[in-house]
Amino acid sequence: MSCICDFCSDPNVSWQYPARSFVAYVLDGIAGESVGAWAACDVCHDLIEKDDRSGLAAHSIDSLIRVHPEFQLAREELSREMERLHGSFLGSRRGEPINLIAQFRA
């Protein structure tokens, strides 16, 4: 099973953050749900542990715009929404992060 960082889409995931499920967005009457734990790369993990929410959102948006440069025009709005989504995640977080690399080696 392959996994990507739920924050920036990096394919090198090292961490898992237990979380309860929550409604992530509602758009035109359609709801999207975040279900369970979130995966994180080392960069996002460090930002989360430092409680650098604006840095986490900026890193996530930078990663998104590298893949979709056309989104640059909506950067400010995307940043606000990313910070809102990450805030919802942080409010739903349950427990300490799990180091998947260490767990795999054990």
N, C-alpha and C. Protein backbone atom coordinates (compact mmCIF):
# COMPACT_ATOMS: atom_id res chain seq x y z
N MET A 1 0.84 -1.17 0.00
CA MET A 1 0.00 0.00 0.00
C MET A 1 0.89 1.24 0.00
N SER A 2 0.64 2.16 -0.91
CA SER A 2 1.40 3.40 -0.93
C SER A 2 0.62 4.46 -0.19
N CYS A 3 1.35 5.45 0.29
CA CYS A 3 0.74 6.49 1.11
C CYS A 3 1.43 7.80 0.79
N ILE A 4 0.68 8.89 0.85
CA ILE A 4 1.29 10.21 0.68
C ILE A 4 0.93 11.06 1.90
N CYS A 5 1.72 12.09 2.12
CA CYS A 5 1.47 13.01 3.22
C CYS A 5 0.11 13.68 3.00
N ASP A 6 -0.72 13.64 4.01
CA ASP A 6 -2.05 14.26 3.92
C ASP A 6 -1.99 15.79 3.96
N PHE A 7 -0.83 16.34 4.23
CA PHE A 7 -0.67 17.78 4.31
C PHE A 7 -0.09 18.35 3.01
N CYS A 8 0.95 17.72 2.48
CA CYS A 8 1.65 18.29 1.30
C CYS A 8 1.77 17.32 0.13
N SER A 9 1.29 16.10 0.28
CA SER A 9 1.33 15.06 -0.76
C SER A 9 2.71 14.50 -1.04
N ASP A 10 3.67 14.73 -0.16
CA ASP A 10 5.00 14.12 -0.30
C ASP A 10 4.84 12.60 -0.21
N PRO A 11 5.51 11.84 -1.08
CA PRO A 11 5.37 10.38 -1.04
C PRO A 11 6.18 9.71 0.08
N ASN A 12 6.99 10.47 0.80
CA ASN A 12 7.82 9.90 1.86
C ASN A 12 7.18 10.15 3.23
N VAL A 13 6.29 9.26 3.60
CA VAL A 13 5.56 9.37 4.86
C VAL A 13 6.32 8.64 5.96
N SER A 14 6.50 9.33 7.08
CA SER A 14 7.19 8.74 8.23
C SER A 14 6.34 8.72 9.49
N TRP A 15 5.24 9.47 9.49
CA TRP A 15 4.46 9.67 10.69
C TRP A 15 2.97 9.44 10.44
N GLN A 16 2.29 9.03 11.50
CA GLN A 16 0.84 8.90 11.47
C GLN A 16 0.29 9.63 12.70
N TYR A 17 -0.72 10.47 12.46
CA TYR A 17 -1.36 11.21 13.54
C TYR A 17 -2.76 10.66 13.75
N PRO A 18 -2.99 9.99 14.89
CA PRO A 18 -4.34 9.50 15.17
C PRO A 18 -5.32 10.69 15.24
N ALA A 19 -6.48 10.51 14.66
CA ALA A 19 -7.49 11.57 14.66
C ALA A 19 -8.87 10.95 14.52
N ARG A 20 -9.84 11.64 15.08
CA ARG A 20 -11.22 11.18 14.87
C ARG A 20 -11.69 11.74 13.52
N SER A 21 -12.66 11.12 12.94
CA SER A 21 -13.20 11.57 11.66
C SER A 21 -13.96 12.88 11.85
N PHE A 22 -13.97 13.71 10.80
CA PHE A 22 -14.68 14.99 10.85
C PHE A 22 -15.07 15.41 9.44
N VAL A 23 -16.05 16.30 9.35
CA VAL A 23 -16.44 16.86 8.06
C VAL A 23 -15.36 17.87 7.67
N ALA A 24 -14.70 17.62 6.55
CA ALA A 24 -13.57 18.45 6.13
C ALA A 24 -14.03 19.66 5.33
N TYR A 25 -15.10 19.50 4.56
CA TYR A 25 -15.62 20.63 3.77
C TYR A 25 -17.05 20.35 3.35
N VAL A 26 -17.77 21.41 3.04
CA VAL A 26 -19.10 21.32 2.45
C VAL A 26 -19.10 22.31 1.30
N LEU A 27 -19.38 21.82 0.10
CA LEU A 27 -19.38 22.65 -1.10
C LEU A 27 -20.61 22.32 -1.92
N ASP A 28 -21.44 23.31 -2.13
CA ASP A 28 -22.67 23.13 -2.90
C ASP A 28 -23.49 21.94 -2.40
N GLY A 29 -23.56 21.81 -1.08
CA GLY A 29 -24.37 20.76 -0.48
C GLY A 29 -23.72 19.40 -0.44
N ILE A 30 -22.48 19.30 -0.87
CA ILE A 30 -21.76 18.03 -0.84
C ILE A 30 -20.69 18.12 0.24
N ALA A 31 -20.69 17.15 1.15
CA ALA A 31 -19.73 17.14 2.25
C ALA A 31 -18.62 16.14 1.97
N GLY A 32 -17.41 16.53 2.34
CA GLY A 32 -16.27 15.64 2.27
C GLY A 32 -15.81 15.35 3.69
N GLU A 33 -15.53 14.10 3.97
CA GLU A 33 -15.17 13.70 5.32
C GLU A 33 -13.71 13.27 5.39
N SER A 34 -13.04 13.68 6.44
CA SER A 34 -11.72 13.17 6.76
C SER A 34 -11.94 11.99 7.69
N VAL A 35 -11.41 10.84 7.31
CA VAL A 35 -11.67 9.62 8.06
C VAL A 35 -10.39 9.13 8.73
N GLY A 36 -10.37 9.19 10.04
CA GLY A 36 -9.28 8.61 10.82
C GLY A 36 -7.97 9.37 10.77
N ALA A 37 -6.90 8.61 10.92
CA ALA A 37 -5.54 9.14 11.06
C ALA A 37 -5.08 9.87 9.81
N TRP A 38 -4.14 10.80 10.02
CA TRP A 38 -3.50 11.52 8.92
C TRP A 38 -2.04 11.10 8.84
N ALA A 39 -1.54 10.96 7.62
CA ALA A 39 -0.14 10.66 7.38
C ALA A 39 0.64 11.96 7.23
N ALA A 40 1.91 11.94 7.64
CA ALA A 40 2.74 13.14 7.54
C ALA A 40 4.17 12.78 7.16
N CYS A 41 4.75 13.63 6.33
CA CYS A 41 6.18 13.52 6.01
C CYS A 41 6.96 14.17 7.16
N ASP A 42 8.28 14.09 7.12
CA ASP A 42 9.10 14.66 8.19
C ASP A 42 8.96 16.18 8.27
N VAL A 43 8.88 16.86 7.12
CA VAL A 43 8.76 18.33 7.12
C VAL A 43 7.46 18.74 7.80
N CYS A 44 6.35 18.15 7.40
CA CYS A 44 5.05 18.50 7.99
C CYS A 44 5.01 18.11 9.46
N HIS A 45 5.57 16.97 9.81
CA HIS A 45 5.64 16.55 11.21
C HIS A 45 6.36 17.62 12.04
N ASP A 46 7.50 18.08 11.57
CA ASP A 46 8.25 19.11 12.30
C ASP A 46 7.42 20.37 12.48
N LEU A 47 6.71 20.80 11.43
CA LEU A 47 5.88 22.00 11.52
C LEU A 47 4.72 21.81 12.50
N ILE A 48 4.12 20.63 12.50
CA ILE A 48 3.04 20.33 13.43
C ILE A 48 3.55 20.36 14.87
N GLU A 49 4.69 19.72 15.09
CA GLU A 49 5.24 19.65 16.45
C GLU A 49 5.67 21.03 16.95
N LYS A 50 6.04 21.93 16.05
CA LYS A 50 6.40 23.30 16.43
C LYS A 50 5.16 24.19 16.54
N ASP A 51 4.00 23.64 16.23
CA ASP A 51 2.73 24.38 16.18
C ASP A 51 2.84 25.58 15.24
N ASP A 52 3.54 25.38 14.13
CA ASP A 52 3.71 26.43 13.11
C ASP A 52 2.62 26.25 12.06
N ARG A 53 1.43 26.68 12.39
CA ARG A 53 0.28 26.48 11.51
C ARG A 53 0.41 27.24 10.20
N SER A 54 0.91 28.46 10.26
CA SER A 54 1.07 29.22 9.01
C SER A 54 2.16 28.60 8.15
N GLY A 55 3.23 28.10 8.76
CA GLY A 55 4.28 27.42 8.01
C GLY A 55 3.79 26.14 7.37
N LEU A 56 2.95 25.41 8.10
CA LEU A 56 2.37 24.16 7.58
C LEU A 56 1.48 24.45 6.38
N ALA A 57 0.64 25.48 6.50
CA ALA A 57 -0.23 25.85 5.38
C ALA A 57 0.59 26.32 4.19
N ALA A 58 1.62 27.14 4.43
CA ALA A 58 2.47 27.64 3.34
C ALA A 58 3.18 26.49 2.64
N HIS A 59 3.71 25.55 3.41
CA HIS A 59 4.39 24.39 2.82
C HIS A 59 3.41 23.56 1.98
N SER A 60 2.21 23.36 2.49
CA SER A 60 1.19 22.60 1.76
C SER A 60 0.81 23.30 0.46
N ILE A 61 0.59 24.61 0.53
CA ILE A 61 0.20 25.37 -0.66
C ILE A 61 1.36 25.42 -1.67
N ASP A 62 2.58 25.61 -1.19
CA ASP A 62 3.74 25.60 -2.10
C ASP A 62 3.82 24.28 -2.86
N SER A 63 3.60 23.19 -2.15
CA SER A 63 3.63 21.86 -2.79
C SER A 63 2.52 21.72 -3.82
N LEU A 64 1.34 22.21 -3.48
CA LEU A 64 0.20 22.16 -4.41
C LEU A 64 0.48 22.99 -5.66
N ILE A 65 1.02 24.18 -5.49
CA ILE A 65 1.26 25.08 -6.63
C ILE A 65 2.40 24.58 -7.52
N ARG A 66 3.35 23.85 -6.94
CA ARG A 66 4.41 23.25 -7.77
C ARG A 66 3.81 22.28 -8.79
N VAL A 67 2.79 21.56 -8.38
CA VAL A 67 2.14 20.59 -9.26
C VAL A 67 1.08 21.26 -10.14
N HIS A 68 0.41 22.28 -9.59
CA HIS A 68 -0.66 22.99 -10.31
C HIS A 68 -0.39 24.49 -10.29
N PRO A 69 0.53 24.97 -11.13
CA PRO A 69 0.89 26.39 -11.10
C PRO A 69 -0.30 27.33 -11.36
N GLU A 70 -1.32 26.83 -12.00
CA GLU A 70 -2.50 27.66 -12.27
C GLU A 70 -3.22 28.08 -10.98
N PHE A 71 -2.96 27.39 -9.88
CA PHE A 71 -3.58 27.73 -8.61
C PHE A 71 -2.94 28.94 -7.93
N GLN A 72 -1.83 29.41 -8.46
CA GLN A 72 -1.15 30.57 -7.87
C GLN A 72 -2.11 31.77 -7.74
N LEU A 73 -2.99 31.94 -8.70
CA LEU A 73 -3.93 33.05 -8.67
C LEU A 73 -4.87 33.00 -7.47
N ALA A 74 -5.11 31.82 -6.94
CA ALA A 74 -6.01 31.65 -5.80
C ALA A 74 -5.25 31.37 -4.51
N ARG A 75 -3.96 31.69 -4.47
CA ARG A 75 -3.10 31.34 -3.34
C ARG A 75 -3.66 31.81 -1.99
N GLU A 76 -4.08 33.06 -1.90
CA GLU A 76 -4.56 33.58 -0.61
C GLU A 76 -5.79 32.82 -0.12
N GLU A 77 -6.75 32.60 -1.01
CA GLU A 77 -7.95 31.87 -0.63
C GLU A 77 -7.62 30.43 -0.26
N LEU A 78 -6.75 29.79 -1.04
CA LEU A 78 -6.34 28.42 -0.74
C LEU A 78 -5.63 28.35 0.61
N SER A 79 -4.81 29.35 0.91
CA SER A 79 -4.10 29.37 2.20
C SER A 79 -5.08 29.45 3.36
N ARG A 80 -6.10 30.30 3.24
CA ARG A 80 -7.11 30.40 4.30
C ARG A 80 -7.83 29.06 4.49
N GLU A 81 -8.21 28.45 3.37
CA GLU A 81 -8.91 27.16 3.46
C GLU A 81 -8.01 26.07 4.02
N MET A 82 -6.72 26.09 3.65
CA MET A 82 -5.78 25.10 4.15
C MET A 82 -5.60 25.26 5.66
N GLU A 83 -5.49 26.50 6.12
CA GLU A 83 -5.36 26.74 7.56
C GLU A 83 -6.62 26.29 8.30
N ARG A 84 -7.79 26.50 7.70
CA ARG A 84 -9.04 26.04 8.30
C ARG A 84 -9.07 24.51 8.39
N LEU A 85 -8.69 23.85 7.30
CA LEU A 85 -8.68 22.39 7.27
C LEU A 85 -7.69 21.84 8.30
N HIS A 86 -6.50 22.41 8.33
CA HIS A 86 -5.50 21.95 9.30
C HIS A 86 -5.97 22.20 10.73
N GLY A 87 -6.66 23.32 10.96
CA GLY A 87 -7.23 23.59 12.28
C GLY A 87 -8.25 22.54 12.68
N SER A 88 -9.07 22.12 11.72
CA SER A 88 -10.04 21.05 11.99
C SER A 88 -9.33 19.75 12.33
N PHE A 89 -8.27 19.46 11.59
CA PHE A 89 -7.48 18.26 11.88
C PHE A 89 -6.90 18.34 13.30
N LEU A 90 -6.27 19.47 13.62
CA LEU A 90 -5.63 19.61 14.93
C LEU A 90 -6.64 19.50 16.06
N GLY A 91 -7.86 19.98 15.83
CA GLY A 91 -8.91 19.84 16.83
C GLY A 91 -9.43 18.42 16.94
N SER A 92 -9.18 17.61 15.93
CA SER A 92 -9.64 16.22 15.91
C SER A 92 -8.54 15.23 16.25
N ARG A 93 -7.36 15.75 16.41
CA ARG A 93 -6.19 14.91 16.70
C ARG A 93 -6.39 14.18 18.02
N ARG A 94 -5.99 12.91 18.04
CA ARG A 94 -6.14 12.08 19.24
C ARG A 94 -4.81 11.39 19.53
N GLY A 95 -4.08 11.91 20.48
CA GLY A 95 -2.85 11.24 20.91
C GLY A 95 -1.61 11.72 20.18
N GLU A 96 -0.53 11.10 20.54
CA GLU A 96 0.79 11.45 20.01
C GLU A 96 1.00 10.84 18.63
N PRO A 97 1.88 11.46 17.82
CA PRO A 97 2.18 10.89 16.51
C PRO A 97 2.92 9.56 16.64
N ILE A 98 2.73 8.73 15.67
CA ILE A 98 3.38 7.41 15.63
C ILE A 98 4.45 7.45 14.55
N ASN A 99 5.68 7.14 14.93
CA ASN A 99 6.79 7.09 13.97
C ASN A 99 6.69 5.76 13.23
N LEU A 100 6.26 5.81 11.98
CA LEU A 100 6.04 4.59 11.21
C LEU A 100 7.34 3.87 10.87
N ILE A 101 8.42 4.62 10.68
CA ILE A 101 9.71 4.01 10.36
C ILE A 101 10.20 3.19 11.56
N ALA A 102 10.16 3.78 12.75
CA ALA A 102 10.60 3.08 13.95
C ALA A 102 9.70 1.88 14.23
N GLN A 103 8.40 2.06 14.03
CA GLN A 103 7.46 0.97 14.26
C GLN A 103 7.71 -0.19 13.29
N PHE A 104 8.04 0.14 12.04
CA PHE A 104 8.29 -0.89 11.03
C PHE A 104 9.55 -1.69 11.38
N ARG A 105 10.56 -1.01 11.92
CA ARG A 105 11.83 -1.66 12.24
C ARG A 105 11.74 -2.50 13.51
N ALA A 106 10.75 -2.20 14.35
CA ALA A 106 10.66 -2.91 15.65
C ALA A 106 10.22 -4.33 15.51
